[in-house]
Protein backbone atom coordinates (compact mmCIF):
# COMPACT_ATOMS: atom_id res chain seq x y z
CA MET A 1 0.87 -2.13 -17.94
CA LYS A 2 -1.51 -0.20 -16.31
CA ILE A 3 -2.20 -1.18 -12.56
CA ILE A 4 -6.45 -0.28 -13.20
CA ASP A 5 -5.98 -2.80 -16.20
CA ILE A 6 -4.28 -5.32 -14.07
CA LEU A 7 -7.16 -4.68 -11.58
CA ARG A 8 -10.13 -4.88 -14.50
CA GLN A 9 -9.17 -8.48 -15.35
CA ASP A 10 -11.61 -11.03 -14.04
CA ARG A 11 -9.55 -13.24 -11.62
CA PRO A 12 -7.83 -12.71 -7.70
CA THR A 13 -4.35 -10.53 -7.94
CA LEU A 14 -1.77 -10.25 -5.86
CA SER A 15 0.53 -7.60 -5.47
CA PHE A 16 3.50 -6.53 -2.61
CA GLU A 17 4.84 -3.45 -1.03
CA VAL A 18 8.55 -3.06 -0.42
CA PHE A 19 10.70 0.29 0.79
CA PRO A 20 13.66 2.05 -0.20
CA PRO A 21 16.53 2.02 1.80
CA LYS A 22 17.36 4.44 4.69
CA THR A 23 20.79 4.93 3.83
CA SER A 24 23.02 3.84 1.00
CA ASP A 25 24.66 1.88 3.67
CA SER A 26 21.57 -0.25 3.39
CA TYR A 27 20.95 -0.36 -0.68
CA GLU A 28 22.23 -4.21 -1.12
CA SER A 29 20.13 -6.12 0.84
CA VAL A 30 16.80 -3.74 -0.01
CA ALA A 31 18.13 -4.76 -3.64
CA GLN A 32 18.29 -8.41 -2.80
CA ALA A 33 15.37 -8.50 -0.89
CA THR A 34 13.34 -6.31 -3.73
CA GLN A 35 14.79 -9.03 -6.25
CA GLU A 36 13.29 -11.98 -4.30
CA ILE A 37 9.83 -10.86 -4.17
CA ALA A 38 9.80 -9.64 -7.34
CA ALA A 39 11.38 -13.49 -8.62
CA LEU A 40 7.68 -14.60 -7.04
CA ARG A 41 6.12 -13.11 -10.12
CA PRO A 42 3.87 -10.16 -8.36
CA ASP A 43 0.97 -8.68 -10.27
CA PHE A 44 2.76 -5.82 -9.20
CA MET A 45 4.57 -3.99 -6.84
CA SER A 46 4.48 -0.67 -4.75
CA VAL A 47 7.41 0.64 -3.65
CA THR A 48 6.76 3.69 -1.29
CA TYR A 49 8.03 7.25 -0.79
CA GLY A 50 9.60 7.42 2.96
CA ALA A 51 8.26 10.05 5.70
CA GLY A 52 8.42 13.36 4.39
CA GLY A 53 10.13 11.82 1.43
CA GLY A 54 12.68 11.30 3.01
CA THR A 55 13.81 8.22 0.81
CA SER A 56 12.55 9.96 -2.89
CA SER A 57 15.87 10.04 -3.82
CA TYR A 58 15.62 5.93 -3.87
CA THR A 59 12.20 5.18 -4.96
CA ILE A 60 12.32 6.02 -8.60
CA GLY A 61 15.37 3.81 -8.98
CA ILE A 62 14.15 0.79 -7.38
CA ALA A 63 10.76 1.09 -9.37
CA ALA A 64 12.32 1.23 -12.42
CA GLY A 65 14.28 -1.42 -11.26
CA ILE A 66 12.43 -4.19 -10.32
CA SER A 67 10.56 -3.38 -13.67
CA GLN A 68 13.80 -2.81 -16.24
CA LYS A 69 14.87 -5.89 -14.73
CA TYR A 70 12.09 -8.33 -13.42
CA GLY A 71 9.26 -7.74 -15.87
CA VAL A 72 7.16 -7.19 -13.00
CA ASP A 73 4.82 -3.46 -12.56
CA THR A 74 5.57 -1.17 -10.31
CA LEU A 75 3.64 1.44 -8.50
CA ALA A 76 5.50 4.85 -7.13
CA HIS A 77 4.08 6.02 -4.03
CA LEU A 78 4.37 10.15 -4.07
CA SER A 79 3.54 12.14 -1.16
CA CYS A 80 2.95 15.61 -0.99
CA VAL A 81 3.43 16.81 2.44
CA SER A 82 6.17 19.23 2.15
CA SER A 83 6.49 19.36 -1.35
CA THR A 84 6.99 22.07 -3.52
CA ARG A 85 5.34 21.72 -7.41
CA GLU A 86 8.16 22.33 -8.97
CA HIS A 87 9.97 19.16 -7.00
CA VAL A 88 6.93 17.30 -7.79
CA HIS A 89 7.15 18.12 -11.35
CA LYS A 90 10.33 16.90 -11.47
CA MET A 91 9.52 13.30 -9.43
CA LEU A 92 7.08 12.96 -12.52
CA ALA A 93 9.60 13.99 -15.10
CA GLU A 94 11.75 11.22 -14.04
CA MET A 95 9.12 8.74 -13.50
CA LYS A 96 8.49 9.24 -17.16
CA ALA A 97 11.91 9.17 -18.40
CA GLN A 98 11.90 5.65 -16.17
CA GLY A 99 8.95 4.43 -17.76
CA ILE A 100 7.18 4.66 -15.12
CA GLN A 101 3.51 4.36 -15.53
CA ASN A 102 1.45 4.16 -12.06
CA VAL A 103 1.48 6.55 -9.17
CA LEU A 104 0.22 6.16 -5.97
CA ALA A 105 -0.54 9.56 -4.40
CA LEU A 106 -0.32 10.24 -0.93
CA ARG A 107 -0.55 13.25 1.50
CA GLY A 108 2.36 11.83 3.38
CA ASP A 109 2.42 12.16 7.63
CA ILE A 110 3.28 15.24 8.74
CA PRO A 111 6.83 15.26 10.81
CA VAL A 112 6.74 15.51 14.85
CA GLY A 113 5.91 19.49 15.40
CA GLY A 114 4.41 19.67 11.92
CA ALA A 115 5.17 21.45 8.44
CA PRO A 116 4.31 24.07 6.11
CA ALA A 117 1.86 23.49 3.74
CA HIS A 118 4.05 24.49 0.71
CA ASP A 119 2.17 23.73 -2.77
CA TYR A 120 -0.02 21.02 -1.62
CA GLN A 121 -2.86 20.42 1.88
CA TYR A 122 -4.56 17.66 0.60
CA ALA A 123 -3.48 14.48 -1.85
CA ALA A 124 -6.44 15.44 -4.32
CA GLN A 125 -4.20 18.16 -5.04
CA LEU A 126 -1.69 15.91 -5.77
CA VAL A 127 -3.95 14.02 -7.86
CA ARG A 128 -4.88 16.71 -10.30
CA ASP A 129 -1.45 17.67 -10.70
CA ILE A 130 -0.60 14.06 -11.35
CA LYS A 131 -3.13 13.92 -13.73
CA ALA A 132 -2.43 17.28 -15.70
CA SER A 133 1.47 16.56 -15.87
CA GLY A 134 1.05 12.94 -18.14
CA ASP A 135 -0.71 9.29 -19.17
CA PHE A 136 -0.47 7.80 -15.50
CA CYS A 137 -2.18 5.48 -13.88
CA VAL A 138 -3.14 7.07 -10.28
CA GLY A 139 -4.40 5.35 -6.84
CA GLY A 140 -4.61 6.76 -3.61
CA ALA A 141 -4.90 5.55 0.17
CA CYS A 142 -8.12 4.80 1.65
CA TYR A 143 -8.81 3.84 5.96
CA PRO A 144 -11.47 1.52 6.64
CA GLU A 145 -11.27 2.62 10.40
CA GLY A 146 -10.81 6.33 8.85
CA HIS A 147 -8.29 8.65 8.55
CA PRO A 148 -7.15 9.48 12.04
CA GLU A 149 -6.99 13.11 11.51
CA ALA A 150 -11.39 13.28 9.70
CA PRO A 151 -13.54 14.49 12.01
CA THR A 152 -15.73 12.14 10.95
CA LYS A 153 -16.33 8.32 8.63
CA ASN A 154 -18.45 10.48 6.57
CA ALA A 155 -16.01 13.17 5.89
CA ASP A 156 -13.36 10.96 5.33
CA ILE A 157 -15.34 9.35 2.63
CA ASP A 158 -16.01 12.68 1.40
CA HIS A 159 -12.40 13.16 0.94
CA LEU A 160 -12.54 9.94 -0.56
CA LYS A 161 -14.62 10.65 -3.16
CA GLU A 162 -13.03 14.35 -4.02
CA LYS A 163 -9.90 12.22 -4.56
CA MET A 164 -11.93 9.83 -7.01
CA GLU A 165 -13.42 13.11 -8.85
CA ALA A 166 -9.73 14.15 -9.10
CA GLY A 167 -8.78 11.52 -10.71
CA CYS A 168 -7.76 8.25 -8.65
CA GLU A 169 -8.34 5.30 -10.90
CA PHE A 170 -8.06 2.75 -7.49
CA PHE A 171 -7.25 2.78 -3.46
CA THR A 172 -5.31 1.06 -1.65
CA THR A 173 -6.36 0.49 2.20
CA GLN A 174 -4.41 0.62 5.24
CA MET A 175 -4.03 -2.34 6.88
CA PHE A 176 -6.63 -4.31 9.03
CA PHE A 177 -7.27 -7.37 11.16
CA ASP A 178 -10.45 -8.12 11.03
CA ASN A 179 -12.03 -8.32 7.57
CA ASN A 180 -15.84 -6.65 8.85
CA ILE A 181 -14.63 -3.36 8.89
CA LEU A 182 -14.05 -3.51 5.35
CA TYR A 183 -16.74 -5.10 4.30
CA ASN A 184 -18.82 -2.42 6.35
CA PHE A 185 -16.52 0.24 5.00
CA LEU A 186 -17.16 -0.77 1.21
CA TYR A 187 -20.51 -1.27 1.57
CA ARG A 188 -20.56 2.92 2.70
CA ILE A 189 -18.42 4.07 -0.17
CA ARG A 190 -20.42 2.42 -2.50
CA GLU A 191 -23.51 3.89 -1.33
CA LYS A 192 -21.85 6.89 -1.57
CA GLY A 193 -20.70 6.64 -5.36
CA ILE A 194 -17.29 5.46 -4.93
CA THR A 195 -16.97 2.86 -7.73
CA VAL A 196 -13.74 2.74 -8.79
CA PRO A 197 -11.78 -0.97 -7.40
CA VAL A 198 -10.16 -1.04 -4.10
CA VAL A 199 -7.42 -3.07 -3.15
CA ALA A 200 -7.44 -4.58 0.41
CA GLY A 201 -3.85 -3.97 2.56
CA ILE A 202 -2.61 -7.07 4.47
CA MET A 203 0.23 -6.32 7.16
CA PRO A 204 1.57 -9.91 7.92
CA VAL A 205 2.52 -9.40 11.72
CA THR A 206 5.38 -12.07 12.71
CA ASN A 207 7.03 -10.16 14.98
CA GLY A 208 5.11 -9.04 18.57
CA LYS A 209 6.82 -6.30 18.90
CA GLN A 210 5.29 -4.32 16.04
CA ILE A 211 2.12 -4.62 17.37
CA ALA A 212 2.97 -2.12 19.86
CA ARG A 213 4.06 0.13 16.85
CA ILE A 214 1.14 -0.31 14.66
CA CYS A 215 -1.69 0.98 17.20
CA LYS A 216 0.44 3.77 18.34
CA LEU A 217 1.38 4.65 14.48
CA SER A 218 -2.49 3.94 12.95
CA GLY A 219 -4.86 3.32 15.89
CA THR A 220 -5.82 0.00 13.78
CA TYR A 221 -8.22 -2.39 15.81
CA LEU A 222 -7.25 -5.56 16.79
CA PRO A 223 -9.73 -8.61 17.59
CA GLU A 224 -9.28 -10.76 20.24
CA LYS A 225 -8.23 -13.62 18.46
CA PHE A 226 -5.16 -11.45 16.77
CA LYS A 227 -4.32 -10.84 20.54
CA ALA A 228 -4.69 -14.13 21.58
CA ILE A 229 -2.21 -15.11 18.77
CA VAL A 230 0.36 -12.63 19.68
CA ASP A 231 0.12 -13.19 23.80
CA ARG A 232 0.89 -17.42 23.18
CA PHE A 233 3.54 -16.59 20.06
CA GLY A 234 5.13 -13.15 20.20
CA ASP A 235 8.08 -14.31 22.44
CA ASN A 236 8.45 -17.25 19.91
CA PRO A 237 9.97 -15.39 16.89
CA ALA A 238 9.65 -18.73 14.66
CA ALA A 239 6.05 -19.80 16.35
CA MET A 240 5.33 -15.84 15.75
CA ARG A 241 5.80 -16.21 12.00
CA GLN A 242 4.10 -19.42 11.21
CA ALA A 243 1.19 -17.39 13.02
CA GLY A 244 1.31 -13.97 11.54
CA ILE A 245 1.41 -15.96 7.83
CA ALA A 246 -2.03 -18.21 8.51
CA TYR A 247 -3.64 -15.34 10.19
CA ALA A 248 -3.10 -12.66 7.18
CA THR A 249 -3.20 -15.94 4.54
CA ASN A 250 -7.23 -16.90 6.44
CA GLN A 251 -7.62 -12.75 5.97
CA ILE A 252 -6.87 -13.20 2.59
CA ILE A 253 -8.85 -16.36 1.68
CA ASP A 254 -11.99 -15.10 3.77
CA LEU A 255 -11.67 -11.67 1.32
CA ILE A 256 -11.62 -13.43 -1.90
CA ALA A 257 -14.78 -15.86 -0.58
CA ASN A 258 -16.56 -12.47 -0.60
CA GLY A 259 -15.38 -10.71 -3.23
CA VAL A 260 -12.20 -8.83 -2.13
CA ASP A 261 -10.08 -10.23 -5.49
CA HIS A 262 -7.49 -7.57 -4.66
CA ILE A 263 -4.58 -8.27 -2.34
CA HIS A 264 -1.49 -6.04 -1.32
CA ILE A 265 0.80 -7.30 1.04
CA TYR A 266 2.57 -5.18 3.24
CA SER A 267 5.92 -7.12 2.75
CA MET A 268 8.51 -5.27 4.91
CA ASN A 269 10.94 -6.37 3.01
CA LYS A 270 11.16 -9.84 3.89
CA PRO A 271 10.72 -12.32 0.49
CA GLU A 272 10.13 -15.30 2.78
CA ILE A 273 7.16 -13.62 4.25
CA ALA A 274 5.80 -12.75 0.90
CA ALA A 275 6.77 -16.18 -0.26
CA GLY A 276 4.96 -17.80 2.02
CA ILE A 277 1.95 -16.22 1.59
CA GLN A 278 1.53 -16.78 -2.16
CA ALA A 279 2.74 -20.39 -1.70
CA SER A 280 -0.97 -20.71 1.16
CA LEU A 281 -2.76 -19.62 -1.27
CA SER A 282 -1.38 -21.06 -4.95
CA GLU A 283 -4.91 -22.38 -5.97
CA VAL A 284 -7.42 -19.63 -3.81
CA LEU A 285 -5.44 -17.39 -6.45
CA LYS A 286 -6.53 -19.14 -9.71
CA PRO A 287 -9.24 -17.27 -11.76
């Protein structure tokens, strides 16, 4: 099923992101984690592409396996940074051959030291190419706090609208830890005429060491109540895991209560985290 058709259903949805192995040595452990997450029967699962396409050789195989073996709809990431149009078309042909209907079109992170633009500079260009290459449902990324490279938040929203006009049918957000940031963002983009569904991306932080890495990579705002949790439980792995699941669950409950019905969990390939959140939402997710 196409993701847009899932999102148009009049009910909350819950989906999970997984990432492919970085090397063949870890393929089996990733496959096992993916199987356990698929067994939770989420509305769909997304499979990342890796910085610079570094894990691209595994993305399609993992995504196809989820769909074919476990009957869960999948969303394959595709980034264009440093890619040629020839390579992108090859990937799209492979997706089509494997029955993958859904693509998350991303510019991708530019590697340290920069990278040549090749045939794509912006995600909107990739979106147009995907839409011209077949009957794909195409999604894109959005940044409630603004893309770190955008000169202003308004400029970032203008780029988002360009992606929608190029063919993006839905957007998935970067992680955020303060729901008010998302609510304000949704108000601003709707005012600018961006009408497609927005899926809220939630990162359950279950390891205190994740925080420094998150802030360094994305500059995400951390509310004081979240910092207090990390300060109190960050050195106790079991307590931090429990507190992180509880914080993410509370975020999701608040989102759904306020009409944000589509939730995407950055699972970090941890079935126990995915299962813990899903179990806590068993009644909340009912139509």
